[in-house]
C-alpha atoms as a PDB file:
ATOM      1  CA  MET A   1       0.155  -0.022   0.044  1.00  0.00           C
ATOM      2  CA  ILE A   2       0.997   3.291  -0.887  1.00  0.00           C
ATOM      3  CA  LEU A   3       2.291   5.253   2.110  1.00  0.00           C
ATOM      4  CA  SER A   4       2.405   2.590   4.761  1.00  0.00           C
ATOM      5  CA  GLY A   5       6.184   2.388   4.794  1.00  0.00           C
ATOM      6  CA  THR A   6       7.060   6.047   5.704  1.00  0.00           C
ATOM      7  CA  ILE A   7       3.811   6.639   8.025  1.00  0.00           C
ATOM      8  CA  LYS A   8       4.954   3.459   9.993  1.00  0.00           C
ATOM      9  CA  LYS A   9       8.529   4.705  10.775  1.00  0.00           C
ATOM     10  CA  THR A  10       7.324   8.235  11.210  1.00  0.00           C
ATOM     11  CA  ILE A  11       4.541   6.590  13.814  1.00  0.00           C
ATOM     12  CA  HIS A  12       7.756   4.467  15.062  1.00  0.00           C
ATOM     13  CA  ALA A  13       9.983   7.497  15.686  1.00  0.00           C
ATOM     14  CA  GLY A  14       7.294   9.383  17.414  1.00  0.00           C
ATOM     15  CA  LEU A  15       6.288   6.717  19.555  1.00  0.00           C
ATOM     16  CA  SER A  16      10.217   5.838  20.264  1.00  0.00           C
ATOM     17  CA  ALA A  17      10.477   9.492  21.289  1.00  0.00           C
ATOM     18  CA  PHE A  18       7.337   9.565  23.552  1.00  0.00           C
ATOM     19  CA  ALA A  19       8.360   6.187  25.095  1.00  0.00           C
ATOM     20  CA  LEU A  20      11.859   7.425  25.780  1.00  0.00           C
ATOM     21  CA  SER A  21      10.366  10.202  27.221  1.00  0.00           C
ATOM     22  CA  LEU A  22       8.200   8.476  29.476  1.00  0.00           C
ATOM     23  CA  ALA A  23      10.312   5.574  30.651  1.00  0.00           C
ATOM     24  CA  ALA A  24       9.924   3.288  27.482  1.00  0.00           C
ATOM     25  CA  ILE A  25       6.399   1.200  27.262  1.00  0.00           C
ATOM     26  CA  ALA A  26       5.383  -0.657  24.252  1.00  0.00           C
ATOM     27  CA  VAL A  27       1.561  -0.071  23.557  1.00  0.00           C
ATOM     28  CA  PRO A  28      -0.623  -2.468  21.266  1.00  0.00           C
ATOM     29  CA  ALA A  29      -3.314  -0.837  19.863  1.00  0.00           C
ATOM     30  CA  SER A  30      -5.757  -3.372  21.479  1.00  0.00           C
ATOM     31  CA  ALA A  31      -4.563  -2.544  24.810  1.00  0.00           C
ATOM     32  CA  GLN A  32      -7.526  -1.647  27.475  1.00  0.00           C
ATOM     33  CA  ASP A  33      -7.009   0.027  31.004  1.00  0.00           C
ATOM     34  CA  THR A  34      -7.585  -2.689  33.297  1.00  0.00           C
ATOM     35  CA  ALA A  35      -6.307  -4.146  36.845  1.00  0.00           C
ATOM     36  CA  SER A  36      -5.394  -7.331  35.289  1.00  0.00           C
ATOM     37  CA  THR A  37      -2.445  -8.192  33.679  1.00  0.00           C
ATOM     38  CA  GLY A  38      -2.306 -12.067  32.539  1.00  0.00           C
ATOM     39  CA  ASP A  39      -2.117 -14.094  35.564  1.00  0.00           C
ATOM     40  CA  ASN A  40      -1.153 -11.004  38.310  1.00  0.00           C
ATOM     41  CA  ALA A  41      -4.025  -9.275  39.141  1.00  0.00           C
ATOM     42  CA  ILE A  42      -3.481  -5.669  40.283  1.00  0.00           C
ATOM     43  CA  ALA A  43      -4.966  -4.067  43.071  1.00  0.00           C
ATOM     44  CA  PRO A  44      -7.644  -1.596  42.460  1.00  0.00           C
ATOM     45  CA  GLU A  45      -5.739   0.782  44.810  1.00  0.00           C
ATOM     46  CA  GLN A  46      -2.531   0.200  43.793  1.00  0.00           C
ATOM     47  CA  LEU A  47      -3.842   0.940  39.688  1.00  0.00           C
ATOM     48  CA  ALA A  48      -5.610   4.014  40.693  1.00  0.00           C
ATOM     49  CA  ALA A  49      -1.989   5.285  42.810  1.00  0.00           C
ATOM     50  CA  ALA A  50      -0.185   4.293  39.620  1.00  0.00           C
ATOM     51  CA  ARG A  51      -2.718   6.497  36.957  1.00  0.00           C
ATOM     52  CA  GLU A  52      -2.120   9.557  39.424  1.00  0.00           C
ATOM     53  CA  LEU A  53       1.146   8.996  38.911  1.00  0.00           C
ATOM     54  CA  VAL A  54       1.005   8.986  35.283  1.00  0.00           C
ATOM     55  CA  ASP A  55      -0.902  11.956  35.180  1.00  0.00           C
ATOM     56  CA  VAL A  56       1.017  14.421  37.223  1.00  0.00           C
ATOM     57  CA  SER A  57       4.143  13.034  35.742  1.00  0.00           C
ATOM     58  CA  GLY A  58       3.358  15.268  32.354  1.00  0.00           C
ATOM     59  CA  THR A  59       2.201  12.059  30.456  1.00  0.00           C
ATOM     60  CA  LYS A  60      -0.514  14.064  28.236  1.00  0.00           C
ATOM     61  CA  GLN A  61       1.947  16.712  27.732  1.00  0.00           C
ATOM     62  CA  GLN A  62       4.538  14.540  26.638  1.00  0.00           C
ATOM     63  CA  PHE A  63       1.958  12.582  24.027  1.00  0.00           C
ATOM     64  CA  GLU A  64       0.902  16.335  23.097  1.00  0.00           C
ATOM     65  CA  ILE A  65       4.444  17.118  22.134  1.00  0.00           C
ATOM     66  CA  THR A  66       5.200  14.134  20.199  1.00  0.00           C
ATOM     67  CA  LEU A  67       2.050  14.322  18.451  1.00  0.00           C
ATOM     68  CA  ASP A  68       2.748  17.558  17.333  1.00  0.00           C
ATOM     69  CA  GLN A  69       6.519  16.534  16.349  1.00  0.00           C
ATOM     70  CA  MET A  70       5.121  13.975  14.323  1.00  0.00           C
ATOM     71  CA  ARG A  71       2.606  16.081  12.434  1.00  0.00           C
ATOM     72  CA  PRO A  72       5.238  17.671   9.732  1.00  0.00           C
ATOM     73  CA  LEU A  73       6.653  14.139   9.511  1.00  0.00           C
ATOM     74  CA  LEU A  74       3.593  12.907   8.053  1.00  0.00           C
ATOM     75  CA  PHE A  75       2.787  15.557   5.851  1.00  0.00           C
ATOM     76  CA  ASN A  76       5.926  15.418   4.248  1.00  0.00           C
ATOM     77  CA  ASN A  77       5.529  11.758   4.139  1.00  0.00           C
ATOM     78  CA  VAL A  78       2.648  11.932   2.386  1.00  0.00           C
ATOM     79  CA  MET A  79       3.759  14.247   0.077  1.00  0.00           C
ATOM     80  CA  GLY A  80       6.862  12.341  -0.752  1.00  0.00           C
ATOM     81  CA  GLY A  81       4.881   8.473  -0.577  1.00  0.00           C
ATOM     82  CA  PHE A  82       3.694   9.752  -3.887  1.00  0.00           C
ATOM     83  CA  THR A  83       6.585  10.648  -5.693  1.00  0.00           C
ATOM     84  CA  THR A  84       8.636   7.327  -4.441  1.00  0.00           C
ATOM     85  CA  GLN A  85       6.003   4.636  -4.056  1.00  0.00           C
ATOM     86  CA  GLU A  86       5.320   2.567  -7.235  1.00  0.00           C
ATOM     87  CA  GLY A  87       1.774   4.150  -8.568  1.00  0.00           C
ATOM     88  CA  GLY A  88       2.315   6.866  -6.437  1.00  0.00           C
ATOM     89  CA  PRO A  89       2.556   9.676  -9.320  1.00  0.00           C
ATOM     90  CA  GLU A  90      -0.443   8.737 -11.171  1.00  0.00           C
ATOM     91  CA  LEU A  91      -1.960   8.546  -7.577  1.00  0.00           C
ATOM     92  CA  ALA A  92      -0.850  12.184  -6.717  1.00  0.00           C
ATOM     93  CA  ALA A  93      -2.034  13.273  -9.891  1.00  0.00           C
ATOM     94  CA  LEU A  94      -5.644  12.042  -9.697  1.00  0.00           C
ATOM     95  CA  ILE A  95      -5.741  13.572  -5.928  1.00  0.00           C
ATOM     96  CA  GLU A  96      -4.523  17.116  -7.425  1.00  0.00           C
ATOM     97  CA  GLN A  97      -7.073  16.991  -9.649  1.00  0.00           C
ATOM     98  CA  LYS A  98     -10.195  15.637  -7.843  1.00  0.00           C
ATOM     99  CA  TYR A  99      -9.073  16.664  -3.925  1.00  0.00           C
ATOM    100  CA  ASP A 100     -10.380  20.043  -2.337  1.00  0.00           C
ATOM    101  CA  GLY A 101      -6.911  21.610  -2.020  1.00  0.00           C
ATOM    102  CA  GLY A 102      -5.235  19.280  -4.359  1.00  0.00           C
ATOM    103  CA  LEU A 103      -2.221  17.015  -3.257  1.00  0.00           C
ATOM    104  CA  ASN A 104      -1.250  19.687  -0.305  1.00  0.00           C
ATOM    105  CA  GLY A 105      -4.679  19.754   1.094  1.00  0.00           C
ATOM    106  CA  PHE A 106      -5.018  16.043   1.107  1.00  0.00           C
ATOM    107  CA  ALA A 107      -1.526  15.907   2.821  1.00  0.00           C
ATOM    108  CA  GLU A 108      -2.622  18.323   5.297  1.00  0.00           C
ATOM    109  CA  SER A 109      -6.311  16.403   5.789  1.00  0.00           C
ATOM    110  CA  PHE A 110      -4.202  13.276   6.207  1.00  0.00           C
ATOM    111  CA  ALA A 111      -1.880  14.353   9.013  1.00  0.00           C
ATOM    112  CA  GLU A 112      -5.105  16.479  10.897  1.00  0.00           C
ATOM    113  CA  GLN A 113      -7.371  13.488  11.049  1.00  0.00           C
ATOM    114  CA  PHE A 114      -4.305  11.263  11.999  1.00  0.00           C
ATOM    115  CA  SER A 115      -3.689  12.913  14.456  1.00  0.00           C
ATOM    116  CA  GLU A 116      -7.187  13.414  15.961  1.00  0.00           C
ATOM    117  CA  ARG A 117      -7.875   9.686  16.064  1.00  0.00           C
ATOM    118  CA  PHE A 118      -4.110   9.382  17.597  1.00  0.00           C
ATOM    119  CA  ARG A 119      -5.018  11.461  20.476  1.00  0.00           C
ATOM    120  CA  ALA A 120      -8.178   9.643  20.970  1.00  0.00           C
ATOM    121  CA  ARG A 121      -6.152   6.573  21.740  1.00  0.00           C
ATOM    122  CA  PHE A 122      -4.406   8.219  24.559  1.00  0.00           C
ATOM    123  CA  PRO A 123      -6.606   6.706  27.321  1.00  0.00           C
ATOM    124  CA  VAL A 124      -4.852   3.172  25.689  1.00  0.00           C
ATOM    125  CA  PHE A 125      -1.427   5.157  26.388  1.00  0.00           C
ATOM    126  CA  ARG A 126      -2.484   5.889  29.940  1.00  0.00           C
ATOM    127  CA  GLY A 127      -3.892   3.066  30.982  1.00  0.00           C
ATOM    128  CA  ARG A 128      -0.457   0.766  29.872  1.00  0.00           C
ATOM    129  CA  LEU A 129       1.525   3.011  31.238  1.00  0.00           C
ATOM    130  CA  ALA A 130      -0.184   3.196  34.700  1.00  0.00           C
ATOM    131  CA  GLN A 131      -0.307  -0.663  34.690  1.00  0.00           C
ATOM    132  CA  LEU A 132       3.505  -0.486  34.199  1.00  0.00           C
ATOM    133  CA  PHE A 133       3.579   1.429  37.037  1.00  0.00           C
ATOM    134  CA  ALA A 134       1.395  -0.351  39.084  1.00  0.00           C
ATOM    135  CA  ARG A 135       3.158  -3.711  38.699  1.00  0.00           C
ATOM    136  CA  GLU A 136       6.676  -2.425  38.802  1.00  0.00           C
ATOM    137  CA  LEU A 137       6.700   0.084  41.928  1.00  0.00           C
ATOM    138  CA  SER A 138       5.501  -0.573  45.016  1.00  0.00           C
ATOM    139  CA  PRO A 139       2.730   1.766  46.877  1.00  0.00           C
ATOM    140  CA  GLU A 140       5.631   3.217  48.479  1.00  0.00           C
ATOM    141  CA  GLU A 141       7.982   3.512  45.252  1.00  0.00           C
ATOM    142  CA  ILE A 142       4.905   5.350  43.606  1.00  0.00           C
ATOM    143  CA  ALA A 143       4.395   7.592  46.397  1.00  0.00           C
ATOM    144  CA  SER A 144       7.840   8.334  46.450  1.00  0.00           C
ATOM    145  CA  VAL A 145       7.887   9.007  42.647  1.00  0.00           C
ATOM    146  CA  LYS A 146       4.664  11.239  42.906  1.00  0.00           C
ATOM    147  CA  SER A 147       6.444  13.252  45.561  1.00  0.00           C
ATOM    148  CA  PHE A 148       9.513  13.931  43.725  1.00  0.00           C
ATOM    149  CA  VAL A 149       7.646  14.958  40.377  1.00  0.00           C
ATOM    150  CA  THR A 150       5.343  17.553  41.991  1.00  0.00           C
ATOM    151  CA  SER A 151       8.107  18.885  43.928  1.00  0.00           C
ATOM    152  CA  PRO A 152       9.978  22.068  42.917  1.00  0.00           C
ATOM    153  CA  VAL A 153      12.722  20.355  40.850  1.00  0.00           C
ATOM    154  CA  GLY A 154      10.577  17.240  40.325  1.00  0.00           C
ATOM    155  CA  ARG A 155       8.558  19.744  37.914  1.00  0.00           C
ATOM    156  CA  LYS A 156      11.698  21.018  36.621  1.00  0.00           C
ATOM    157  CA  TYR A 157      12.980  17.833  35.436  1.00  0.00           C
ATOM    158  CA  VAL A 158       9.455  16.732  34.097  1.00  0.00           C
ATOM    159  CA  SER A 159       9.284  20.166  31.914  1.00  0.00           C
ATOM    160  CA  LEU A 160      13.130  19.610  30.844  1.00  0.00           C
ATOM    161  CA  ILE A 161      11.698  15.951  28.833  1.00  0.00           C
ATOM    162  CA  PRO A 162      11.323  16.849  25.953  1.00  0.00           C
ATOM    163  CA  ALA A 163      14.151  18.483  25.367  1.00  0.00           C
ATOM    164  CA  ILE A 164      15.808  15.153  26.916  1.00  0.00           C
ATOM    165  CA  ALA A 165      13.901  13.434  24.333  1.00  0.00           C
ATOM    166  CA  ALA A 166      14.725  15.696  21.349  1.00  0.00           C
ATOM    167  CA  HIS A 167      18.604  15.866  22.173  1.00  0.00           C
ATOM    168  CA  MET A 168      18.937  12.178  22.568  1.00  0.00           C
ATOM    169  CA  ASN A 169      16.964  11.591  19.025  1.00  0.00           C
ATOM    170  CA  GLN A 170      19.120  13.941  17.520  1.00  0.00           C
ATOM    171  CA  ALA A 171      22.305  11.896  18.845  1.00  0.00           C
ATOM    172  CA  GLY A 172      21.153   9.080  17.852  1.00  0.00           C
ATOM    173  CA  GLU A 173      20.696  10.330  14.360  1.00  0.00           C
ATOM    174  CA  GLU A 174      23.751  11.730  14.346  1.00  0.00           C
ATOM    175  CA  ALA A 175      25.680   8.666  15.837  1.00  0.00           C
ATOM    176  CA  GLY A 176      23.758   6.372  13.518  1.00  0.00           C
ATOM    177  CA  ASP A 177      24.383   7.935   9.978  1.00  0.00           C
ATOM    178  CA  GLU A 178      27.987   8.257  11.010  1.00  0.00           C
ATOM    179  CA  ILE A 179      28.303   4.901  11.667  1.00  0.00           C
ATOM    180  CA  ALA A 180      26.388   3.640   8.928  1.00  0.00           C
ATOM    181  CA  VAL A 181      28.927   5.581   6.386  1.00  0.00           C
ATOM    182  CA  SER A 182      32.185   4.220   7.862  1.00  0.00           C
ATOM    183  CA  LEU A 183      30.742   0.771   8.051  1.00  0.00           C
ATOM    184  CA  THR A 184      29.112   1.272   4.698  1.00  0.00           C
ATOM    185  CA  GLN A 185      32.883   2.022   3.784  1.00  0.00           C
ATOM    186  CA  GLU A 186      34.816  -0.379   5.425  1.00  0.00           C
ATOM    187  CA  MET A 187      33.097  -3.319   4.178  1.00  0.00           C
ATOM    188  CA  LEU A 188      33.076  -2.154   0.734  1.00  0.00           C
ATOM    189  CA  GLN A 189      36.557  -1.604   0.540  1.00  0.00           C
ATOM    190  CA  PRO A 190      37.903  -5.391   0.025  1.00  0.00           C
ATOM    191  CA  ILE A 191      35.450  -5.558  -2.429  1.00  0.00           C
ATOM    192  CA  LEU A 192      36.489  -2.832  -4.304  1.00  0.00           C
ATOM    193  CA  MET A 193      40.002  -3.157  -3.899  1.00  0.00           C
ATOM    194  CA  GLU A 194      39.553  -6.831  -5.321  1.00  0.00           C
ATOM    195  CA  THR A 195      37.713  -5.284  -8.462  1.00  0.00           C
ATOM    196  CA  PRO A 196      40.042  -4.973 -11.160  1.00  0.00           C
ATOM    197  CA  ALA A 197      39.805  -1.531 -12.771  1.00  0.00           C
ATOM    198  CA  SER A 198      38.354  -0.685 -16.169  1.00  0.00           C
END
């Protein structure tokens, strides 16, 4: 399907940043906010405390920041997908002709509708994160973390999370690019040295 690969990469990158900034959890689309995870039941009061921790640790704000960062990437991937995918240029011409606002309007509408639908899934993210906290932290630890994130220094730390995530993403991209170039050169060197000049 046209665009699916680039859209998935954008979503993955956005969710990676969100997960990094919130102590990383995987969120299956079918997840529900329940008081039971497999064979290990979570006490309702433990889950309630974990939900409070999720709410005071800036999760909703981080989710919105991630979504805002994903939106231009979605727009660019929709536009780029039509030029690089098989059948894309023909479909782009049809959209340009028939869609109100042309291809730009289509890409903008896609990014907007995607954001709305993704935002509607926030309760799933919140529920999974609450379950993680409830499973992995004792009631005392939840209270301690909550006390920290609601303190002045804790609020300051939470406010820095987007910058930390952006810094880590940038550093990761730079390192990945550098490693890819040098590794490619190293691996190609023996092959190129064996190839006789024409």
